[in-house]
């Protein structure tokens, strides 16, 4: 009953003009009945009735359509009639307009919500340190974040829509994407990007599916593990080097002791010579162990916060370091000069920093010719103190400089061992400087000498 009343209220205004027209025609016919023929009057009346009938059918159909559209719009807008205030008039056109406005408002709110979520998603992806790229089922790039573009050396704006083969020239990465799209299971491989400095990437591929479980693409995540791989290589080198460094004196000691036990001790001259060699190798073995313990104590002290710093005059510390190396300096007749203001004070751990400077001076003396010079200078550069130890020795080739501060790394293994070095002096100096929050580096040219510089913050 309510539905029929709504229909009538919609199409009655549309039908009213037709009724009025019919009444007007009927009036004219009645007034002109004496003039017009009967057949003509019948035709006019029939046409008027037909006009009213057609108008009625059209108005009814339009009214039903409007009601259906209104109901559909209300369902789209999720309007609950029971919870709405009842209008005083049941104007379906006005209700339809209100429902359309509700839908438009809700669509606008949802669009704003989707835009906000997309912005949050883009912010999260762009701020990730891992590289993320997405390809479709045809291996065309549809998304790439800044980290991935940086790792792969790409411009993100220029690669979207292009295939992976066009943009990235790495067969291992292509193979991973192909396997991910074919088999669906997550795939993980290690990829090396060749360049001026090789990059090691740990790459994971995961298939993307839509709501109907159809494959739509693949998500590729790139983790830069270059530093981790370097650390692993340093650890392996350290284990190999320390094993070799310890094995060499032990083998020598064992060999000469066995020789003595086999009867060589009966010859006093051989016995004395062998025992001196054994003592020398034992001292070298002890020096290596002592240096390893120093490194361990420094590292543990930093981790536990046990490195105590205090204000100290730098000149007195540098003078003490020179005195500690006096025997080696005197043996080679090396001239050492010191340039440091008397009032230069810095917050340091004096015993540790003195050890670092001693190692640098000792290293400079080992690789300097007899009668040469070593210059030590300390100056203030803004908010930092710089300590430079310069020699005029053999110098260091450029390929050795990046690894010079690694444990047991030797530029000239034979000469270093002949000089009695353990291969840990520069590594100890580096760790001491790092414990002070500073940096250490070297500038060197073959045949011209080397300059080791320590930079420490004033605060």
Protein backbone atom coordinates (compact mmCIF):
# COMPACT_ATOMS: atom_id res chain seq x y z
CA UNK A 1 0.00 0.00 0.00
CA UNK A 2 2.85 2.35 0.92
CA UNK A 3 4.66 1.48 -2.34
CA UNK A 4 1.54 2.32 -4.42
CA UNK A 5 1.05 5.61 -2.59
CA UNK A 6 4.68 6.54 -3.39
CA UNK A 7 4.14 5.76 -7.08
CA UNK A 8 1.00 7.91 -7.23
CA UNK A 9 2.71 10.81 -5.50
CA UNK A 10 5.47 10.74 -8.12
CA UNK A 11 3.50 10.37 -11.34
CA UNK A 12 0.36 12.37 -10.37
CA UNK A 13 2.19 15.68 -10.99
CA UNK A 14 3.28 14.31 -14.37
CA UNK A 15 -0.23 13.08 -15.21
CA UNK A 16 -1.99 16.31 -14.20
CA UNK A 17 -1.03 18.29 -17.35
CA UNK A 18 -2.41 15.50 -19.53
CA UNK A 19 -5.69 15.46 -17.56
CA UNK A 20 -6.03 19.21 -17.87
CA UNK A 21 -5.35 18.95 -21.58
CA UNK A 22 -7.98 16.23 -21.86
CA UNK A 23 -10.54 18.39 -20.01
CA UNK A 24 -9.70 21.38 -22.19
CA UNK A 25 -10.15 19.33 -25.35
CA UNK A 26 -13.38 17.87 -24.03
CA UNK A 27 -14.71 21.35 -23.27
CA UNK A 28 -13.85 22.53 -26.75
CA UNK A 29 -15.53 19.52 -28.25
CA UNK A 30 -18.69 20.03 -26.23
CA UNK A 31 -18.85 23.70 -27.13
CA UNK A 32 -18.16 22.93 -30.79
CA UNK A 33 -20.29 19.80 -31.07
CA UNK A 34 -22.80 21.47 -33.33
CA UNK A 35 -20.15 22.61 -35.78
CA UNK A 36 -17.83 19.60 -35.92
CA UNK A 37 -18.77 16.26 -37.29
CA UNK A 38 -19.28 13.29 -35.00
CA UNK A 39 -16.39 11.33 -36.47
CA UNK A 40 -13.99 14.21 -35.90
CA UNK A 41 -15.12 14.58 -32.29
CA UNK A 42 -14.59 10.86 -31.70
CA UNK A 43 -11.07 11.08 -33.13
CA UNK A 44 -10.19 14.10 -30.94
CA UNK A 45 -11.53 12.41 -27.81
CA UNK A 46 -9.67 9.20 -28.65
CA UNK A 47 -6.44 11.10 -29.11
CA UNK A 48 -6.91 12.88 -25.80
CA UNK A 49 -7.62 9.58 -24.02
CA UNK A 50 -4.55 8.06 -25.67
CA UNK A 51 -2.43 11.02 -24.53
CA UNK A 52 -3.66 10.61 -20.99
CA UNK A 53 -3.00 6.83 -21.11
CA UNK A 54 0.50 7.24 -22.53
CA UNK A 55 1.28 9.91 -19.95
CA UNK A 56 -0.03 7.62 -17.24
CA UNK A 57 2.15 4.70 -18.37
CA UNK A 58 5.22 6.90 -18.72
CA UNK A 59 4.68 8.51 -15.30
CA UNK A 60 4.15 5.11 -13.67
CA UNK A 61 7.29 3.68 -15.21
CA UNK A 62 9.29 6.75 -14.24
CA UNK A 63 7.97 6.61 -10.71
CA UNK A 64 8.87 2.94 -10.31
CA UNK A 65 12.36 3.60 -11.72
CA UNK A 66 12.92 6.50 -9.33
CA UNK A 67 11.84 4.36 -6.36
CA UNK A 68 14.14 1.53 -7.45
CA UNK A 69 17.04 3.92 -7.97
CA UNK A 70 16.42 5.46 -4.56
CA UNK A 71 16.38 2.05 -2.92
CA UNK A 72 19.62 1.09 -4.66
CA UNK A 73 21.32 4.34 -3.68
CA UNK A 74 20.17 3.88 -0.09
CA UNK A 75 21.60 0.40 -0.04
CA UNK A 76 24.89 1.70 -1.47
CA UNK A 77 24.98 4.35 1.20
CA UNK A 78 24.00 1.76 3.82
CA UNK A 79 21.15 3.92 5.00
CA UNK A 80 18.94 2.40 7.67
CA UNK A 81 15.48 3.87 7.31
CA UNK A 82 14.64 2.84 10.87
CA UNK A 83 17.33 5.08 12.22
CA UNK A 84 16.48 8.13 10.11
CA UNK A 85 14.13 10.98 10.95
CA UNK A 86 10.89 10.70 9.03
CA UNK A 87 10.27 13.45 6.53
CA UNK A 88 6.90 15.22 6.63
CA UNK A 89 6.40 14.54 2.93
CA UNK A 90 7.30 11.43 0.97
CA UNK A 91 8.99 13.19 -1.93
CA UNK A 92 10.93 10.39 -3.60
CA UNK A 93 12.87 12.78 -5.84
CA UNK A 94 14.05 14.76 -2.82
CA UNK A 95 14.84 11.51 -1.02
CA UNK A 96 16.78 10.33 -4.05
CA UNK A 97 18.79 13.55 -4.06
CA UNK A 98 19.50 13.16 -0.33
CA UNK A 99 20.59 9.56 -0.84
CA UNK A 100 22.87 10.59 -3.73
CA UNK A 101 24.38 13.27 -1.50
CA UNK A 102 24.96 10.67 1.21
CA UNK A 103 26.72 8.40 -1.27
CA UNK A 104 28.84 11.27 -2.58
CA UNK A 105 29.82 12.23 0.98
CA UNK A 106 30.74 8.67 1.88
CA UNK A 107 32.68 8.21 -1.36
CA UNK A 108 34.60 11.39 -0.62
CA UNK A 109 35.40 10.20 2.90
CA UNK A 110 36.53 6.81 1.63
CA UNK A 111 38.64 8.41 -1.09
CA UNK A 112 40.31 10.62 1.54
CA UNK A 113 40.89 7.58 3.73
CA UNK A 114 42.41 5.63 0.83
CA UNK A 115 44.64 8.60 -0.04
CA UNK A 116 45.83 8.83 3.56
CA UNK A 117 46.54 5.10 3.71
CA UNK A 118 48.44 5.26 0.43
CA UNK A 119 50.52 8.17 1.69
CA UNK A 120 51.30 6.25 4.90
CA UNK A 121 52.23 3.18 2.84
CA UNK A 122 54.48 5.24 0.55
CA UNK A 123 56.13 6.89 3.55
CA UNK A 124 56.83 3.54 5.21
CA UNK A 125 58.20 1.95 2.03
CA UNK A 126 60.33 4.95 1.10
CA UNK A 127 61.86 5.14 4.59
CA UNK A 128 62.84 1.45 4.67
CA UNK A 129 66.55 0.71 4.55
CA UNK A 130 65.76 -2.48 2.64
CA UNK A 131 65.24 -2.14 -1.08
CA UNK A 132 61.71 -3.04 -2.23
CA UNK A 133 60.56 -3.46 -5.81
CA UNK A 134 57.38 -4.94 -7.27
CA UNK A 135 56.99 -6.50 -10.73
CA UNK A 136 53.83 -7.66 -12.48
CA UNK A 137 53.26 -11.07 -14.06
CA UNK A 138 55.18 -9.91 -17.17
CA UNK A 139 58.19 -8.88 -15.02
CA UNK A 140 57.55 -5.18 -15.56
CA UNK A 141 58.47 -2.86 -12.72
CA UNK A 142 55.38 -1.29 -11.16
CA UNK A 143 56.93 0.00 -7.93
CA UNK A 144 60.41 0.66 -6.54
CA UNK A 145 61.46 2.49 -3.39
CA UNK A 146 64.41 4.83 -2.95
CA UNK A 147 66.60 2.24 -1.22
CA UNK A 148 66.21 -0.23 -4.11
CA UNK A 149 66.88 2.47 -6.69
CA UNK A 150 70.03 3.51 -4.80
CA UNK A 151 71.28 -0.07 -4.46
CA UNK A 152 70.68 -0.86 -8.12
CA UNK A 153 71.83 2.53 -9.43
CA UNK A 154 68.48 3.37 -11.01
CA UNK A 155 66.26 6.42 -11.39
CA UNK A 156 62.88 5.29 -10.02
CA UNK A 157 60.93 7.69 -12.25
CA UNK A 158 62.53 6.32 -15.44
CA UNK A 159 62.17 2.56 -14.88
CA UNK A 160 58.50 2.10 -13.99
CA UNK A 161 56.65 0.20 -16.70
CA UNK A 162 59.84 -1.29 -18.14
CA UNK A 163 60.83 -4.94 -17.87
CA UNK A 164 63.38 -6.12 -15.35
CA UNK A 165 65.71 -7.23 -18.13
CA UNK A 166 65.75 -3.70 -19.56
CA UNK A 167 66.57 -1.97 -16.30
CA UNK A 168 68.74 -4.37 -14.26
CA UNK A 169 71.62 -6.29 -15.81
CA UNK A 170 72.04 -9.11 -13.33
CA UNK A 171 71.22 -12.67 -14.31
CA UNK A 172 70.93 -13.90 -10.70
CA UNK A 173 68.23 -11.33 -9.95
CA UNK A 174 66.37 -12.19 -13.17
CA UNK A 175 66.49 -15.87 -12.28
CA UNK A 176 65.08 -15.22 -8.81
CA UNK A 177 62.10 -13.28 -10.20
CA UNK A 178 61.40 -16.01 -12.76
CA UNK A 179 61.50 -18.74 -10.10
CA UNK A 180 59.24 -16.72 -7.81
CA UNK A 181 56.61 -16.24 -10.52
CA UNK A 182 56.80 -19.87 -11.65
CA UNK A 183 56.75 -21.77 -8.36
CA UNK A 184 55.07 -19.36 -5.95
CA UNK A 185 57.18 -20.33 -2.93
CA UNK A 186 59.47 -17.66 -1.40
CA UNK A 187 62.93 -17.73 -2.97
CA UNK A 188 66.13 -16.39 -1.39
CA UNK A 189 69.51 -15.95 -3.09
CA UNK A 190 72.72 -13.98 -2.61
CA UNK A 191 73.45 -11.56 -5.42
CA UNK A 192 76.70 -9.70 -6.11
CA UNK A 193 76.41 -6.39 -7.96
CA UNK A 194 79.61 -5.69 -9.83
CA UNK A 195 80.96 -2.15 -9.69
CA UNK A 196 83.75 0.03 -8.41
CA UNK A 197 83.04 -1.64 -5.07
CA UNK A 198 81.12 -4.92 -5.22
CA UNK A 199 77.85 -4.99 -3.31
CA UNK A 200 76.56 -8.15 -1.68
CA UNK A 201 72.76 -8.35 -1.57
CA UNK A 202 70.53 -10.89 0.13
CA UNK A 203 67.45 -10.99 -2.11
CA UNK A 204 64.08 -12.51 -1.21
CA UNK A 205 61.24 -12.97 -3.71
CA UNK A 206 57.57 -13.56 -2.79
CA UNK A 207 54.67 -14.10 -5.19
CA UNK A 208 51.76 -11.63 -5.12
CA UNK A 209 48.20 -12.96 -5.61
CA UNK A 210 44.83 -11.26 -5.97
CA UNK A 211 41.60 -12.14 -4.12
CA UNK A 212 40.94 -15.02 -6.54
CA UNK A 213 44.44 -16.47 -5.94
CA UNK A 214 45.65 -15.55 -9.41
CA UNK A 215 49.29 -14.48 -9.79
CA UNK A 216 49.58 -10.73 -10.29
CA UNK A 217 53.33 -10.26 -9.75
CA UNK A 218 56.19 -10.62 -7.31
CA UNK A 219 57.59 -8.65 -4.37
CA UNK A 220 61.39 -8.45 -4.24
CA UNK A 221 63.20 -7.35 -1.06
CA UNK A 222 66.91 -6.41 -1.21
CA UNK A 223 69.09 -6.42 1.91
CA UNK A 224 72.55 -4.89 1.61
CA UNK A 225 74.84 -7.30 3.49
CA UNK A 226 78.11 -5.93 2.09
CA UNK A 227 79.37 -4.83 5.51
CA UNK A 228 78.37 -8.15 7.05
CA UNK A 229 80.23 -10.08 4.37
CA UNK A 230 83.30 -7.90 4.88
CA UNK A 231 83.18 -8.53 8.62
CA UNK A 232 82.87 -12.26 7.99
CA UNK A 233 85.90 -12.09 5.70
CA UNK A 234 87.84 -10.13 8.32
CA UNK A 235 86.91 -12.75 10.93
CA UNK A 236 88.05 -15.58 8.67
CA UNK A 237 91.28 -13.74 7.89
CA UNK A 238 91.83 -13.09 11.58
CA UNK A 239 91.38 -16.74 12.51
CA UNK A 240 93.73 -17.80 9.71
CA UNK A 241 96.29 -15.13 10.56
CA UNK A 242 96.30 -15.68 14.29
CA UNK A 243 96.66 -19.41 13.74
CA UNK A 244 99.61 -18.80 11.44
CA UNK A 245 101.23 -16.20 13.72
CA UNK A 246 101.00 -18.52 16.72
CA UNK A 247 102.01 -21.60 14.80
CA UNK A 248 105.23 -20.07 13.44
CA UNK A 249 107.02 -19.49 16.80
CA UNK A 250 105.59 -22.67 18.29
CA UNK A 251 106.91 -24.71 15.35
CA UNK A 252 110.32 -23.06 15.70
CA UNK A 253 110.44 -23.66 19.45
CA UNK A 254 109.35 -27.27 19.03
CA UNK A 255 111.93 -27.92 16.30
CA UNK A 256 114.92 -26.57 18.24
CA UNK A 257 113.88 -28.29 21.47
CA UNK A 258 113.62 -31.62 19.62
CA UNK A 259 117.06 -30.97 18.12
CA UNK A 260 118.50 -30.38 21.56
CA UNK A 261 116.84 -33.53 22.90
CA UNK A 262 118.32 -35.52 20.04
CA UNK A 263 121.80 -34.77 21.34
CA UNK A 264 122.65 -31.26 20.15
CA UNK A 265 122.83 -30.11 23.80
CA UNK A 266 126.19 -31.88 24.02
CA UNK A 267 127.67 -29.13 21.85
CA UNK A 268 127.75 -25.96 24.00
CA UNK A 269 127.92 -23.59 21.05
CA UNK A 270 124.88 -25.13 19.32
CA UNK A 271 123.03 -25.32 22.62
CA UNK A 272 123.51 -21.62 23.30
CA UNK A 273 122.52 -20.64 19.74
CA UNK A 274 119.41 -22.86 19.82
CA UNK A 275 118.35 -21.60 23.24
CA UNK A 276 118.66 -18.00 22.06
CA UNK A 277 116.40 -18.78 19.10
CA UNK A 278 113.93 -20.54 21.40
CA UNK A 279 113.94 -17.53 23.75
CA UNK A 280 113.41 -15.13 20.85
CA UNK A 281 110.46 -17.13 19.52
CA UNK A 282 109.03 -17.46 23.02
CA UNK A 283 109.26 -13.68 23.46
CA UNK A 284 107.53 -13.20 20.10
CA UNK A 285 104.80 -15.62 21.09
CA UNK A 286 104.38 -13.79 24.39
CA UNK A 287 104.21 -10.43 22.56
CA UNK A 288 101.44 -11.70 20.27
CA UNK A 289 99.44 -12.99 23.23
CA UNK A 290 99.96 -9.74 25.14
CA UNK A 291 98.76 -7.69 22.16
CA UNK A 292 95.71 -9.91 21.74
CA UNK A 293 94.89 -9.45 25.42
CA UNK A 294 95.32 -5.67 25.02
CA UNK A 295 92.85 -5.64 22.17
CA UNK A 296 90.41 -7.74 24.17
CA UNK A 297 90.69 -5.48 27.22
CA UNK A 298 90.12 -2.34 25.10
CA UNK A 299 87.06 -3.83 23.40
CA UNK A 300 85.59 -5.04 26.70
CA UNK A 301 86.34 -1.69 28.33
CA UNK A 302 84.43 0.15 25.61
CA UNK A 303 81.47 -2.25 25.78
CA UNK A 304 81.27 -2.00 29.58
CA UNK A 305 81.96 1.74 29.72
CA UNK A 306 85.14 1.20 31.72
CA UNK A 307 87.35 3.56 29.66
CA UNK A 308 87.82 6.47 32.07
CA UNK A 309 88.68 9.83 30.46
CA UNK A 310 90.31 12.78 32.18
CA UNK A 311 91.70 16.19 31.26
CA UNK A 312 95.43 15.86 30.51
CA UNK A 313 98.18 17.93 28.90
CA UNK A 314 99.06 16.44 25.54
CA UNK A 315 102.70 17.49 25.32
CA UNK A 316 103.77 15.48 28.38
CA UNK A 317 102.02 12.38 26.99
CA UNK A 318 103.77 12.69 23.61
CA UNK A 319 107.15 13.20 25.33
CA UNK A 320 106.60 10.03 27.36
CA UNK A 321 105.70 8.09 24.17
CA UNK A 322 108.93 9.21 22.51
CA UNK A 323 110.94 8.14 25.56
CA UNK A 324 109.30 4.69 25.45
CA UNK A 325 110.68 4.21 21.89
CA UNK A 326 114.11 5.70 22.62
CA UNK A 327 116.04 2.44 22.34
CA UNK A 328 114.81 1.75 18.82
CA UNK A 329 115.20 5.38 17.80
CA UNK A 330 118.78 5.49 19.14
CA UNK A 331 119.68 2.20 17.44
CA UNK A 332 118.88 3.71 14.04
CA UNK A 333 120.11 7.24 14.84
CA UNK A 334 116.68 8.63 13.97
CA UNK A 335 115.99 12.28 14.77
CA UNK A 336 112.58 12.89 16.37
CA UNK A 337 111.04 16.36 16.51
CA UNK A 338 107.96 17.33 18.54
CA UNK A 339 105.66 20.28 17.93
CA UNK A 340 102.90 20.69 20.51
CA UNK A 341 101.68 23.72 22.54
CA UNK A 342 102.32 23.37 26.26
CA UNK A 343 98.74 24.41 27.11
CA UNK A 344 97.03 21.94 24.76
CA UNK A 345 94.69 19.93 27.00
CA UNK A 346 92.33 17.18 25.89
CA UNK A 347 89.98 14.72 27.61
CA UNK A 348 91.68 11.32 27.23
CA UNK A 349 92.73 8.11 28.94
CA UNK A 350 96.48 8.88 29.19
CA UNK A 351 97.87 5.31 29.38
CA UNK A 352 95.79 4.12 26.44
CA UNK A 353 96.48 7.11 24.20
CA UNK A 354 100.19 6.92 25.04
CA UNK A 355 100.14 3.27 23.93
CA UNK A 356 98.53 4.27 20.60
CA UNK A 357 101.19 6.96 19.97
CA UNK A 358 103.98 4.55 20.98
CA UNK A 359 102.69 2.05 18.41
CA UNK A 360 102.72 4.72 15.69
CA UNK A 361 106.24 5.90 16.58
CA UNK A 362 107.48 2.31 16.78
CA UNK A 363 105.93 1.58 13.39
CA UNK A 364 107.53 4.71 11.89
CA UNK A 365 110.95 3.76 13.27
CA UNK A 366 110.74 0.20 11.91
CA UNK A 367 110.15 1.36 8.35
CA UNK A 368 112.54 4.35 8.36
CA UNK A 369 116.13 4.22 7.23
CA UNK A 370 118.98 4.87 9.64
CA UNK A 371 119.63 8.56 10.13
CA UNK A 372 116.21 9.68 8.88
CA UNK A 373 113.72 11.84 10.78
CA UNK A 374 110.30 11.45 12.40
CA UNK A 375 108.09 14.51 12.99
CA UNK A 376 105.36 14.50 15.63
CA UNK A 377 102.92 17.40 15.68
CA UNK A 378 99.77 18.13 17.68
CA UNK A 379 97.44 21.03 16.87
CA UNK A 380 93.88 22.11 17.55
CA UNK A 381 91.56 22.16 14.54
CA UNK A 382 88.29 23.74 15.60
CA UNK A 383 86.56 21.29 17.94
CA UNK A 384 89.16 18.53 17.52
CA UNK A 385 92.79 17.78 18.37
CA UNK A 386 95.01 16.27 15.66
CA UNK A 387 98.14 14.24 16.40
CA UNK A 388 100.29 13.45 13.34
CA UNK A 389 103.29 11.09 13.21
CA UNK A 390 105.25 11.48 9.98
CA UNK A 391 108.17 9.41 8.77
CA UNK A 392 110.32 9.48 5.61
CA UNK A 393 110.55 5.74 5.13
CA UNK A 394 109.60 3.33 2.37
CA UNK A 395 105.94 4.36 2.23
CA UNK A 396 102.90 2.18 1.56
CA UNK A 397 101.33 1.27 -1.77
CA UNK A 398 97.69 2.46 -2.25
CA UNK A 399 96.25 -1.07 -2.44
CA UNK A 400 97.36 -1.77 1.14
CA UNK A 401 95.91 1.38 2.76
CA UNK A 402 92.26 0.20 3.20
CA UNK A 403 93.34 -2.87 5.19
CA UNK A 404 96.29 -1.41 7.04
CA UNK A 405 94.51 -1.29 10.43
CA UNK A 406 93.26 -4.89 10.29
CA UNK A 407 94.64 -7.36 12.78
CA UNK A 408 97.74 -9.21 11.59
CA UNK A 409 97.68 -7.44 8.22
CA UNK A 410 101.24 -6.90 6.99
CA UNK A 411 102.42 -4.93 3.98
CA UNK A 412 105.80 -6.69 3.96
CA UNK A 413 105.42 -9.90 5.94
CA UNK A 414 109.10 -10.88 5.87
CA UNK A 415 110.40 -7.47 6.96
CA UNK A 416 107.68 -7.04 9.60
CA UNK A 417 108.55 -10.33 11.27
CA UNK A 418 112.28 -9.58 10.99
CA UNK A 419 111.65 -6.29 12.82
CA UNK A 420 109.88 -8.21 15.58
CA UNK A 421 106.38 -6.90 14.93
CA UNK A 422 103.25 -8.81 15.91
CA UNK A 423 101.00 -7.35 13.22
CA UNK A 424 98.67 -5.93 15.90
CA UNK A 425 100.20 -2.52 16.64
CA UNK A 426 98.07 -0.48 14.24
CA UNK A 427 94.93 -2.46 15.13
CA UNK A 428 95.50 -1.63 18.81
CA UNK A 429 96.06 2.05 17.96
CA UNK A 430 92.81 2.11 15.97
CA UNK A 431 90.77 0.57 18.79
CA UNK A 432 92.24 3.00 21.33
CA UNK A 433 91.34 5.96 19.12
CA UNK A 434 87.81 4.62 18.58
CA UNK A 435 87.44 4.20 22.35
CA UNK A 436 88.07 7.97 22.62
CA UNK A 437 85.43 8.70 19.97
CA UNK A 438 88.07 9.73 17.44
CA UNK A 439 89.32 8.63 14.04
CA UNK A 440 92.68 7.54 12.64
CA UNK A 441 93.90 7.46 9.05
CA UNK A 442 97.08 7.29 6.99
CA UNK A 443 98.44 9.22 4.02
CA UNK A 444 101.35 7.58 2.26
CA UNK A 445 103.36 7.49 -0.95
CA UNK A 446 105.84 4.82 -1.90
CA UNK A 447 109.39 6.08 -1.42
CA UNK A 448 108.29 9.29 0.33
CA UNK A 449 107.10 8.09 3.71
CA UNK A 450 103.81 7.95 5.63
CA UNK A 451 101.80 10.20 7.92
CA UNK A 452 99.49 8.63 10.52
CA UNK A 453 96.96 11.08 11.95
CA UNK A 454 94.79 10.75 15.06
CA UNK A 455 91.83 13.11 15.46
CA UNK A 456 90.19 13.40 18.89
CA UNK A 457 87.16 15.51 19.85
CA UNK A 458 87.81 18.20 22.46
CA UNK A 459 84.61 17.23 24.30
